[in-house]
N, C-alpha and C. Protein backbone atom coordinates (compact mmCIF):
# COMPACT_ATOMS: atom_id res chain seq x y z
N MET A 1 -2.54 -1.29 32.54
CA MET A 1 -3.01 -1.55 31.66
C MET A 1 -5.12 -0.59 31.53
N THR A 2 -5.36 -0.13 31.53
CA THR A 2 -6.84 0.52 30.98
C THR A 2 -7.29 -0.50 30.64
N ILE A 3 -8.51 -0.94 30.34
CA ILE A 3 -9.35 -1.34 29.59
C ILE A 3 -9.56 -0.77 28.37
N GLU A 4 -9.52 -0.02 27.54
CA GLU A 4 -9.52 1.28 26.28
C GLU A 4 -7.89 0.50 25.70
N SER A 5 -6.65 0.72 26.46
CA SER A 5 -5.80 0.16 25.77
C SER A 5 -5.90 -1.10 25.69
N ILE A 6 -5.99 -1.89 25.92
CA ILE A 6 -6.77 -3.58 25.83
C ILE A 6 -7.49 -3.59 24.57
N LEU A 7 -8.15 -3.39 24.57
CA LEU A 7 -9.35 -3.20 22.93
C LEU A 7 -8.63 -2.28 22.07
N GLY A 8 -8.71 -0.99 22.60
CA GLY A 8 -6.91 -0.46 21.18
C GLY A 8 -5.99 -1.24 20.98
N ALA A 9 -5.30 -2.45 21.62
CA ALA A 9 -4.45 -3.09 20.61
C ALA A 9 -4.52 -4.50 20.17
N ILE A 10 -6.45 -5.13 20.25
CA ILE A 10 -7.19 -6.16 19.46
C ILE A 10 -7.57 -5.51 18.01
N VAL A 11 -7.64 -4.35 18.16
CA VAL A 11 -8.24 -3.68 16.80
C VAL A 11 -7.32 -3.72 16.46
N ILE A 12 -6.09 -2.14 16.48
CA ILE A 12 -5.36 -2.10 16.13
C ILE A 12 -4.23 -4.28 15.40
N GLY A 13 -3.91 -5.23 16.83
CA GLY A 13 -3.51 -6.21 15.71
C GLY A 13 -4.42 -6.86 14.98
N ALA A 14 -5.77 -6.87 15.08
CA ALA A 14 -6.83 -7.16 14.23
C ALA A 14 -6.48 -6.76 12.63
N VAL A 15 -6.57 -4.93 12.85
CA VAL A 15 -6.70 -4.16 11.71
C VAL A 15 -5.24 -4.78 10.88
N ILE A 16 -4.09 -5.13 10.64
CA ILE A 16 -2.36 -5.11 11.11
C ILE A 16 -2.47 -6.96 11.01
N GLY A 17 -3.09 -7.55 11.91
CA GLY A 17 -2.61 -8.75 11.19
C GLY A 17 -4.01 -9.70 10.04
N ALA A 18 -4.83 -8.67 9.19
CA ALA A 18 -5.76 -9.03 7.98
C ALA A 18 -4.71 -8.18 6.55
N ILE A 19 -4.04 -7.29 7.48
CA ILE A 19 -3.76 -6.93 6.73
C ILE A 19 -1.96 -7.35 6.03
N GLY A 20 -1.52 -7.76 7.08
CA GLY A 20 -0.25 -8.54 7.19
C GLY A 20 -0.83 -10.07 6.01
N ARG A 21 -1.72 -10.48 6.48
CA ARG A 21 -2.63 -12.11 5.94
C ARG A 21 -2.91 -11.85 4.46
N LEU A 22 -3.92 -10.31 4.19
CA LEU A 22 -4.26 -10.35 2.92
C LEU A 22 -2.65 -9.86 1.46
N LEU A 23 -1.12 -9.48 2.17
CA LEU A 23 -0.56 -9.08 1.76
C LEU A 23 0.43 -10.13 1.13
N LEU A 24 0.40 -10.94 2.44
CA LEU A 24 0.67 -12.46 1.96
C LEU A 24 0.59 -13.36 1.25
N PRO A 25 1.66 -13.71 -0.10
CA PRO A 25 0.38 -14.79 -1.35
C PRO A 25 0.59 -15.74 -0.78
N GLY A 26 -0.64 -16.90 -1.47
CA GLY A 26 -0.95 -17.89 -1.36
C GLY A 26 -1.45 -17.74 -0.39
N ARG A 27 -2.32 -19.34 0.30
CA ARG A 27 -4.17 -19.83 1.08
C ARG A 27 -2.96 -20.32 2.72
N GLN A 28 -3.69 -19.37 3.49
CA GLN A 28 -3.33 -19.42 4.94
C GLN A 28 -3.35 -20.24 5.43
N ALA A 29 -3.85 -21.46 5.81
CA ALA A 29 -5.32 -22.28 7.44
C ALA A 29 -5.01 -22.36 8.20
N ILE A 30 -5.23 -20.92 7.96
CA ILE A 30 -5.08 -20.71 10.03
C ILE A 30 -6.74 -19.39 9.96
N GLY A 31 -6.27 -19.92 11.25
CA GLY A 31 -7.75 -19.34 11.93
C GLY A 31 -7.93 -17.13 11.90
N TRP A 32 -8.62 -16.67 12.22
CA TRP A 32 -8.96 -15.23 12.94
C TRP A 32 -8.44 -14.94 14.12
N ILE A 33 -8.64 -15.73 14.85
CA ILE A 33 -8.30 -15.74 16.12
C ILE A 33 -6.97 -15.94 15.85
N LEU A 34 -6.13 -16.17 15.71
CA LEU A 34 -4.74 -16.78 15.94
C LEU A 34 -4.01 -15.02 14.50
N THR A 35 -5.08 -14.94 13.56
CA THR A 35 -4.46 -13.08 12.98
C THR A 35 -4.10 -12.08 13.68
N ILE A 36 -5.87 -12.20 14.77
CA ILE A 36 -5.25 -11.31 15.26
C ILE A 36 -4.33 -11.25 16.61
N VAL A 37 -3.48 -12.92 17.52
CA VAL A 37 -2.76 -12.64 17.50
C VAL A 37 -1.53 -12.73 16.71
N VAL A 38 -1.31 -12.27 15.95
CA VAL A 38 -0.27 -13.08 15.77
C VAL A 38 0.28 -11.20 15.32
N GLY A 39 -1.24 -10.03 15.04
CA GLY A 39 -0.94 -8.56 14.27
C GLY A 39 -0.84 -8.39 15.66
N ILE A 40 -1.47 -8.60 16.67
CA ILE A 40 -1.27 -8.03 17.67
C ILE A 40 0.44 -8.77 18.94
N VAL A 41 1.30 -9.21 18.65
CA VAL A 41 2.47 -9.72 18.33
C VAL A 41 3.39 -8.37 17.25
N ALA A 42 2.96 -8.43 16.66
CA ALA A 42 4.25 -8.56 15.57
C ALA A 42 3.26 -6.51 15.06
N ALA A 43 2.16 -6.07 16.33
CA ALA A 43 2.68 -4.38 16.68
C ALA A 43 2.66 -4.01 17.56
N LEU A 44 3.10 -4.60 18.24
CA LEU A 44 4.22 -4.82 19.61
C LEU A 44 4.87 -4.61 19.26
N LEU A 45 5.49 -5.59 19.19
CA LEU A 45 7.18 -6.20 18.16
C LEU A 45 7.63 -5.01 17.36
N GLY A 46 6.45 -4.31 16.39
CA GLY A 46 6.77 -3.87 15.76
C GLY A 46 7.37 -2.05 15.69
N THR A 47 6.56 -1.58 16.80
CA THR A 47 6.76 -0.78 18.06
C THR A 47 8.24 -0.58 18.65
N LEU A 48 8.40 -1.72 19.29
CA LEU A 48 8.98 -1.62 19.84
C LEU A 48 10.65 -1.83 19.03
N LEU A 49 10.02 -2.38 17.95
CA LEU A 49 11.81 -2.18 16.58
C LEU A 49 11.48 -0.89 15.96
N ALA A 50 10.61 0.09 16.13
CA ALA A 50 10.15 1.29 15.87
C ALA A 50 11.89 2.14 16.49
N GLN A 51 11.13 2.31 17.85
CA GLN A 51 11.25 2.58 19.27
C GLN A 51 13.37 2.55 19.05
N VAL A 52 14.04 1.24 18.63
CA VAL A 52 15.04 1.09 18.84
C VAL A 52 15.75 1.45 17.94
N LEU A 53 15.52 1.58 17.00
CA LEU A 53 16.00 2.01 15.42
C LEU A 53 15.52 3.64 15.21
N GLY A 54 15.23 4.71 16.49
CA GLY A 54 15.00 5.90 16.30
C GLY A 54 14.18 6.31 15.61
N VAL A 55 12.89 5.84 15.27
CA VAL A 55 12.04 5.89 14.40
C VAL A 55 11.24 7.63 15.20
N ALA A 56 11.24 8.53 15.29
CA ALA A 56 10.89 10.19 16.12
C ALA A 56 9.43 9.24 14.87
N THR A 57 8.50 9.54 16.20
CA THR A 57 6.91 9.18 16.61
C THR A 57 6.15 10.88 16.59
N THR A 58 5.47 10.76 15.53
CA THR A 58 4.65 11.87 15.41
C THR A 58 3.24 12.21 15.34
N PRO A 59 2.60 13.16 15.77
CA PRO A 59 1.44 14.34 15.52
C PRO A 59 0.18 12.45 14.94
N GLY A 60 0.41 12.03 14.41
CA GLY A 60 -1.06 11.22 12.77
C GLY A 60 0.20 10.43 12.57
N ILE A 61 0.55 10.02 11.39
CA ILE A 61 0.18 8.37 11.31
C ILE A 61 1.99 8.31 11.36
N ASP A 62 2.27 6.91 11.12
CA ASP A 62 3.78 6.63 11.72
C ASP A 62 3.36 6.15 10.94
N TRP A 63 3.88 6.10 9.33
CA TRP A 63 4.21 5.09 8.36
C TRP A 63 5.49 4.39 8.44
N ILE A 64 6.15 4.97 8.64
CA ILE A 64 7.29 3.45 8.60
C ILE A 64 7.22 2.42 9.60
N GLU A 65 6.91 2.50 10.86
CA GLU A 65 6.71 2.18 12.53
C GLU A 65 4.85 1.05 11.87
N LEU A 66 4.28 1.83 11.15
CA LEU A 66 3.13 0.63 10.32
C LEU A 66 3.90 -0.39 9.42
N VAL A 67 3.89 0.75 8.62
CA VAL A 67 4.68 -0.71 7.63
C VAL A 67 5.39 -1.79 8.28
N MET A 68 6.41 -1.86 9.12
CA MET A 68 7.21 -2.44 9.92
C MET A 68 6.99 -3.39 10.89
N GLN A 69 4.81 -3.47 11.47
CA GLN A 69 4.40 -3.91 11.75
C GLN A 69 2.95 -5.17 11.04
N VAL A 70 3.72 -4.18 9.62
CA VAL A 70 2.65 -5.60 8.83
C VAL A 70 3.67 -6.18 7.80
N VAL A 71 5.08 -6.04 7.58
CA VAL A 71 5.65 -6.78 7.38
C VAL A 71 6.34 -7.64 8.07
N LEU A 72 6.14 -7.58 9.73
CA LEU A 72 6.61 -8.48 11.07
C LEU A 72 4.90 -9.85 10.77
N ALA A 73 4.02 -8.51 10.58
CA ALA A 73 2.63 -10.03 10.92
C ALA A 73 2.22 -10.73 9.95
N MET A 74 3.39 -10.21 8.58
CA MET A 74 3.80 -10.85 7.32
C MET A 74 4.23 -12.29 7.23
N VAL A 75 5.51 -12.06 8.04
CA VAL A 75 6.25 -13.28 8.76
C VAL A 75 5.56 -13.56 9.90
N GLY A 76 4.93 -13.45 10.45
CA GLY A 76 4.31 -14.62 11.66
C GLY A 76 3.06 -14.87 10.66
N VAL A 77 2.14 -14.82 9.93
CA VAL A 77 1.13 -14.79 9.92
C VAL A 77 1.44 -16.47 8.73
N GLY A 78 2.56 -15.71 7.76
CA GLY A 78 3.82 -17.42 7.14
C GLY A 78 4.53 -18.11 7.89
N LEU A 79 4.44 -18.30 9.59
CA LEU A 79 4.98 -19.24 10.06
C LEU A 79 4.13 -20.07 10.24
N VAL A 80 3.73 -18.76 11.31
CA VAL A 80 2.26 -19.65 11.67
C VAL A 80 1.96 -20.39 11.31
N ALA A 81 1.55 -20.11 9.09
CA ALA A 81 0.43 -20.67 9.24
C ALA A 81 1.85 -22.26 8.51
N GLY A 82 3.23 -21.83 7.72
CA GLY A 82 4.05 -22.79 7.96
C GLY A 82 3.88 -24.01 9.26
N LEU A 83 4.18 -24.23 10.58
CA LEU A 83 3.93 -24.70 11.77
C LEU A 83 2.87 -25.87 11.52
N LYS A 84 2.04 -24.89 10.86
CA LYS A 84 0.44 -25.43 11.35
C LYS A 84 0.08 -26.40 10.12
N ARG A 85 0.81 -25.82 9.10
CA ARG A 85 0.57 -27.32 7.90
C ARG A 85 1.51 -28.51 8.12
N GLY A 86 2.83 -27.99 8.48
CA GLY A 86 4.20 -28.76 8.81
C GLY A 86 3.81 -29.97 10.24
N SER A 87 2.43 -29.64 11.77
CA SER A 87 2.17 -29.89 11.80
C SER A 87 1.34 -31.27 12.13
N ARG A 88 0.37 -31.00 10.34
CA ARG A 88 -0.56 -31.69 9.36
C ARG A 88 -0.24 -33.03 8.71
N THR A 89 0.77 -33.49 8.68
CA THR A 89 1.83 -34.47 8.21
C THR A 89 3.02 -35.15 8.94
């Protein structure tokens, strides 16, 4: 892995995590670093899922893959927020 790919994963993960968090209804009591981590994991899993399902890679924006990543980020943020909320009580 090059430094560019690592920085790219962090930036894409931050964007995916932020979009997923914004689209998830309600308030999520997790920090921005955890949001980025969830976004990175969602981006990687979304890409893997798209490849397994045979979604074609295009030279432009892969909208189907992007939607998969955002949905996975929403699920991830919801799970992490729920786990964090459950550990306080």
